[in-house]
Amino acid sequence: MFNYEEIKRLLKAPYEEKLELANRCIAEVLQQSKKPCVAFSGGKNSLVLLHLVLQQKKDIIVLFNNTTNEFPETVKYVRELGKQWNLNLCEVRPKMTFWQVVEKFGFPHISRYQYGEPRCCVILKKAPAERFYRRNGIDAVFTGISTSESRVRRVHIAHNGMIYKSKTTIRGYPLAFFTDEDTWRYIREHDLPVNPVYEKYKVKRIGCMVCTNYFGWEEELERINPRLYKFVMEKMGRELLTTYI
């Protein structure tokens, strides 16, 4: 576990120190597990995480959770990388599509504090992954989350540390103290192939293609896909941003 002062210090620590911490975390989790797995989303953090873990275990299981709400480019990128790197890649899908979840529960609300975790996150992300872990006897999972991304993740790492042990699964967070600058530096130094979504749509983070759970989603979706943005706003019964302008 880490207190907030330690987290602040580590976020500003030299790149080499963070890299050493990451490698140490990976080695420790691998030592404690029999059947580990890397959660790979196709984003830059999970790319760096995957590359780091492969240096220590080349045949590790790589899980891509296709939520049915992915950028088409992301799905293509993950599958192509699986072939290029000869990954032990497994792709899972949820029992409901994103739009089925929306029809039943509505779009996720922007405030997690008031409304809790969106149902789509549970149904499309958590549930398929947990089913895969149980069915395949996965006892450790590496995830590329960082304390630099959000307050929620800072709290999580502060309480659980870089290695968190639940009753059934060990969770490893090797990139807990990586910033975006650290991640891009690693990508440049190792000449890693990056998801084309970053360049094509000029986004900083890659996740679900349609997400109404963060501030500024309207502007971003309108810029990325105007037709889809209009469709979403109509389904929500809301006026377009251009109406106010």
Protein backbone atom coordinates (compact mmCIF):
# COMPACT_ATOMS: atom_id res chain seq x y z
CA MET A 1 0.00 0.00 0.00
CA PHE A 2 1.07 3.59 -0.59
CA ASN A 3 0.15 6.87 1.04
CA TYR A 4 -0.64 9.85 -1.15
CA GLU A 5 2.73 11.50 -0.58
CA GLU A 6 4.49 8.37 -1.84
CA ILE A 7 2.25 8.28 -4.90
CA LYS A 8 3.03 11.94 -5.65
CA ARG A 9 6.76 11.24 -5.31
CA LEU A 10 6.67 8.14 -7.49
CA LEU A 11 4.71 9.87 -10.24
CA LYS A 12 7.55 12.43 -10.41
CA ALA A 13 10.31 9.83 -9.95
CA PRO A 14 12.87 9.16 -12.71
CA TYR A 15 11.65 7.00 -15.56
CA GLU A 16 14.27 4.35 -14.79
CA GLU A 17 12.98 3.96 -11.23
CA LYS A 18 9.41 3.44 -12.45
CA LEU A 19 10.61 0.90 -15.00
CA GLU A 20 12.48 -1.02 -12.33
CA LEU A 21 9.37 -1.03 -10.12
CA ALA A 22 7.28 -2.30 -13.03
CA ASN A 23 9.65 -5.17 -13.80
CA ARG A 24 9.89 -6.09 -10.14
CA CYS A 25 6.09 -6.15 -9.85
CA ILE A 26 5.82 -8.42 -12.91
CA ALA A 27 8.47 -10.82 -11.61
CA GLU A 28 6.79 -11.06 -8.20
CA VAL A 29 3.34 -11.78 -9.64
CA LEU A 30 4.73 -14.40 -12.03
CA GLN A 31 6.53 -16.06 -9.15
CA GLN A 32 3.32 -16.26 -7.12
CA SER A 33 1.03 -17.52 -9.90
CA LYS A 34 0.59 -20.67 -11.94
CA LYS A 35 -1.62 -19.38 -14.76
CA PRO A 36 -1.33 -15.60 -15.23
CA CYS A 37 -2.93 -13.41 -17.85
CA VAL A 38 -2.50 -9.92 -19.35
CA ALA A 39 -5.63 -7.80 -19.87
CA PHE A 40 -5.05 -6.12 -23.24
CA SER A 41 -7.42 -3.36 -24.38
CA GLY A 42 -5.46 -2.13 -27.38
CA GLY A 43 -4.59 1.14 -25.65
CA LYS A 44 -1.09 2.54 -25.17
CA ASN A 45 -0.78 1.54 -21.51
CA SER A 46 -1.81 -2.04 -22.12
CA LEU A 47 0.60 -2.17 -25.07
CA VAL A 48 3.53 -1.17 -22.85
CA LEU A 49 2.35 -3.56 -20.15
CA LEU A 50 2.08 -6.43 -22.63
CA HIS A 51 5.56 -5.79 -24.02
CA LEU A 52 7.05 -5.69 -20.52
CA VAL A 53 5.37 -8.91 -19.41
CA LEU A 54 6.37 -10.73 -22.61
CA GLN A 55 10.02 -10.09 -21.74
CA GLN A 56 9.54 -12.32 -18.71
CA LYS A 57 6.90 -14.78 -19.97
CA LYS A 58 6.54 -15.11 -23.74
CA ASP A 59 3.63 -17.58 -23.70
CA ILE A 60 1.42 -15.69 -21.25
CA ILE A 61 -2.32 -15.64 -22.00
CA VAL A 62 -3.44 -12.30 -23.45
CA LEU A 63 -7.11 -11.44 -22.98
CA PHE A 64 -8.88 -8.97 -25.27
CA ASN A 65 -12.38 -8.18 -24.05
CA ASN A 66 -14.37 -7.14 -27.12
CA THR A 67 -17.16 -5.15 -25.47
CA THR A 68 -19.08 -4.69 -28.78
CA ASN A 69 -18.48 -0.97 -28.19
CA GLU A 70 -14.93 -0.86 -29.56
CA PHE A 71 -13.54 1.25 -32.36
CA PRO A 72 -13.41 -1.03 -35.43
CA GLU A 73 -9.76 -0.03 -35.79
CA THR A 74 -9.06 -1.30 -32.27
CA VAL A 75 -10.48 -4.76 -32.98
CA LYS A 76 -8.47 -5.01 -36.21
CA TYR A 77 -5.31 -3.74 -34.48
CA VAL A 78 -5.52 -6.24 -31.61
CA ARG A 79 -6.08 -9.20 -33.94
CA GLU A 80 -3.23 -8.16 -36.24
CA LEU A 81 -0.87 -7.64 -33.30
CA GLY A 82 -1.81 -11.10 -32.06
CA LYS A 83 -0.54 -12.54 -35.35
CA GLN A 84 2.53 -10.31 -35.63
CA TRP A 85 3.73 -11.05 -32.12
CA ASN A 86 2.48 -14.66 -32.11
CA LEU A 87 0.47 -13.94 -28.97
CA ASN A 88 -1.46 -16.48 -26.94
CA LEU A 89 -4.47 -14.24 -27.63
CA CYS A 90 -7.99 -14.97 -26.39
CA GLU A 91 -10.92 -12.75 -27.38
CA VAL A 92 -14.12 -12.77 -25.35
CA ARG A 93 -17.47 -11.06 -25.87
CA PRO A 94 -20.31 -10.24 -23.46
CA LYS A 95 -23.71 -11.92 -23.46
CA MET A 96 -25.39 -8.60 -24.34
CA THR A 97 -24.31 -5.95 -26.84
CA PHE A 98 -23.77 -2.35 -25.81
CA TRP A 99 -26.99 -1.27 -27.48
CA GLN A 100 -28.96 -4.02 -25.74
CA VAL A 101 -27.60 -2.76 -22.42
CA VAL A 102 -28.62 0.78 -23.35
CA GLU A 103 -32.14 -0.36 -24.25
CA LYS A 104 -32.52 -2.11 -20.91
CA PHE A 105 -30.68 0.21 -18.52
CA GLY A 106 -30.18 3.46 -20.41
CA PHE A 107 -26.92 5.27 -21.14
CA PRO A 108 -24.35 5.47 -18.31
CA HIS A 109 -24.68 8.64 -16.24
CA ILE A 110 -21.81 11.09 -16.07
CA SER A 111 -21.64 10.94 -12.25
CA ARG A 112 -20.31 7.70 -10.77
CA TYR A 113 -20.48 9.16 -7.30
CA GLN A 114 -24.23 9.62 -7.52
CA TYR A 115 -25.22 6.70 -9.74
CA GLY A 116 -22.44 4.18 -9.09
CA GLU A 117 -20.58 2.12 -11.65
CA PRO A 118 -22.36 2.03 -15.03
CA ARG A 119 -24.17 -1.21 -15.82
CA CYS A 120 -22.43 -1.38 -19.19
CA CYS A 121 -19.01 -1.56 -17.47
CA VAL A 122 -20.15 -4.50 -15.37
CA ILE A 123 -22.00 -6.37 -18.14
CA LEU A 124 -19.64 -5.68 -21.05
CA LYS A 125 -16.25 -5.61 -19.29
CA LYS A 126 -16.17 -7.19 -15.86
CA ALA A 127 -18.56 -10.11 -16.31
CA PRO A 128 -16.99 -11.58 -19.51
CA ALA A 129 -13.48 -11.23 -18.07
CA GLU A 130 -14.41 -12.87 -14.76
CA ARG A 131 -16.12 -15.76 -16.60
CA PHE A 132 -12.96 -16.26 -18.63
CA TYR A 133 -10.76 -16.24 -15.53
CA ARG A 134 -12.93 -18.79 -13.73
CA ARG A 135 -13.30 -21.14 -16.69
CA ASN A 136 -9.59 -21.10 -17.49
CA GLY A 137 -8.20 -21.21 -13.97
CA ILE A 138 -6.51 -17.81 -14.24
CA ASP A 139 -4.96 -16.97 -10.88
CA ALA A 140 -3.24 -13.65 -11.72
CA VAL A 141 -4.13 -10.72 -13.98
CA PHE A 142 -1.91 -7.85 -15.12
CA THR A 143 -3.70 -4.58 -15.82
CA GLY A 144 -2.24 -1.34 -17.19
CA ILE A 145 -3.94 1.14 -14.87
CA SER A 146 -2.01 4.16 -13.60
CA THR A 147 -2.52 6.53 -10.68
CA SER A 148 -1.95 9.41 -13.11
CA GLU A 149 -5.24 8.65 -14.90
CA SER A 150 -7.82 9.47 -12.23
CA ARG A 151 -8.53 10.02 -8.55
CA VAL A 152 -10.38 6.69 -8.41
CA ARG A 153 -7.25 4.86 -9.53
CA ARG A 154 -5.05 6.76 -7.09
CA VAL A 155 -7.34 5.64 -4.28
CA HIS A 156 -7.31 2.06 -5.56
CA ILE A 157 -3.50 1.85 -5.70
CA ALA A 158 -3.17 3.67 -2.37
CA HIS A 159 -5.39 1.06 -0.68
CA ASN A 160 -4.25 -2.05 -2.55
CA GLY A 161 -0.70 -1.41 -3.71
CA MET A 162 0.89 -2.56 -6.97
CA ILE A 163 0.00 -6.18 -6.17
CA TYR A 164 -3.45 -6.92 -4.80
CA LYS A 165 -4.48 -10.40 -3.67
CA SER A 166 -8.18 -11.27 -3.60
CA LYS A 167 -9.56 -14.68 -2.60
CA THR A 168 -9.22 -16.07 -6.12
CA THR A 169 -6.93 -13.81 -8.15
CA ILE A 170 -3.76 -11.77 -7.83
CA ARG A 171 -3.97 -8.36 -9.54
CA GLY A 172 -0.77 -6.76 -10.73
CA TYR A 173 -0.46 -3.08 -11.65
CA PRO A 174 3.12 -2.66 -12.97
CA LEU A 175 2.40 0.73 -14.56
CA ALA A 176 0.87 2.19 -11.40
CA PHE A 177 3.20 5.21 -11.48
CA PHE A 178 3.68 5.69 -15.22
CA THR A 179 2.57 9.01 -16.68
CA ASP A 180 1.57 9.49 -20.32
CA GLU A 181 5.08 10.81 -20.97
CA ASP A 182 6.61 7.62 -19.53
CA THR A 183 4.31 5.44 -21.63
CA TRP A 184 5.07 7.24 -24.89
CA ARG A 185 8.79 7.22 -24.09
CA TYR A 186 8.74 3.43 -23.69
CA ILE A 187 6.80 3.07 -26.96
CA ARG A 188 9.34 5.23 -28.82
CA GLU A 189 12.36 3.49 -27.32
CA HIS A 190 11.05 0.04 -28.25
CA ASP A 191 9.42 1.09 -31.54
CA LEU A 192 6.09 -0.50 -30.60
CA PRO A 193 3.17 -0.51 -33.08
CA VAL A 194 0.49 1.83 -31.73
CA ASN A 195 -3.27 1.58 -32.20
CA PRO A 196 -4.10 3.85 -35.20
CA VAL A 197 -7.11 5.28 -33.33
CA TYR A 198 -4.80 7.72 -31.50
CA GLU A 199 -3.60 9.38 -34.68
CA LYS A 200 -6.79 9.03 -36.71
CA TYR A 201 -9.13 10.61 -34.15
CA LYS A 202 -6.60 12.65 -32.12
CA VAL A 203 -7.62 11.10 -28.79
CA LYS A 204 -5.53 10.76 -25.64
CA ARG A 205 -7.18 7.59 -24.35
CA ILE A 206 -8.82 4.66 -26.06
CA GLY A 207 -11.84 2.95 -24.56
CA CYS A 208 -15.41 2.38 -25.58
CA MET A 209 -16.38 4.14 -28.81
CA VAL A 210 -19.61 5.44 -27.23
CA CYS A 211 -19.23 6.43 -23.58
CA THR A 212 -21.40 9.01 -21.81
CA ASN A 213 -19.64 8.58 -18.47
CA TYR A 214 -17.08 11.41 -18.64
CA PHE A 215 -17.13 15.17 -19.01
CA GLY A 216 -16.70 16.30 -22.61
CA TRP A 217 -17.96 13.10 -24.24
CA GLU A 218 -20.41 15.06 -26.43
CA GLU A 219 -17.71 17.22 -28.02
CA GLU A 220 -15.41 14.25 -28.57
CA LEU A 221 -18.05 11.97 -30.09
CA GLU A 222 -19.32 14.78 -32.32
CA ARG A 223 -15.79 15.32 -33.63
CA ILE A 224 -15.01 11.61 -34.08
CA ASN A 225 -18.30 10.42 -35.55
CA PRO A 226 -20.96 13.11 -36.19
CA ARG A 227 -23.59 10.62 -37.37
CA LEU A 228 -23.18 8.40 -34.33
CA TYR A 229 -23.20 11.46 -32.07
CA LYS A 230 -26.51 12.61 -33.57
CA PHE A 231 -27.99 9.12 -33.15
CA VAL A 232 -26.94 8.96 -29.47
CA MET A 233 -28.31 12.41 -28.69
CA GLU A 234 -31.61 11.52 -30.32
CA LYS A 235 -31.87 8.30 -28.30
CA MET A 236 -31.15 10.31 -25.14
CA GLY A 237 -33.81 12.86 -26.07
CA ARG A 238 -31.29 15.67 -25.97
CA GLU A 239 -30.58 18.53 -28.34
CA LEU A 240 -27.36 18.71 -30.29
CA LEU A 241 -24.55 20.99 -29.12
CA THR A 242 -24.93 23.01 -32.34
CA THR A 243 -28.45 23.91 -31.24
CA TYR A 244 -27.05 25.97 -28.37
CA ILE A 245 -24.31 27.51 -30.50
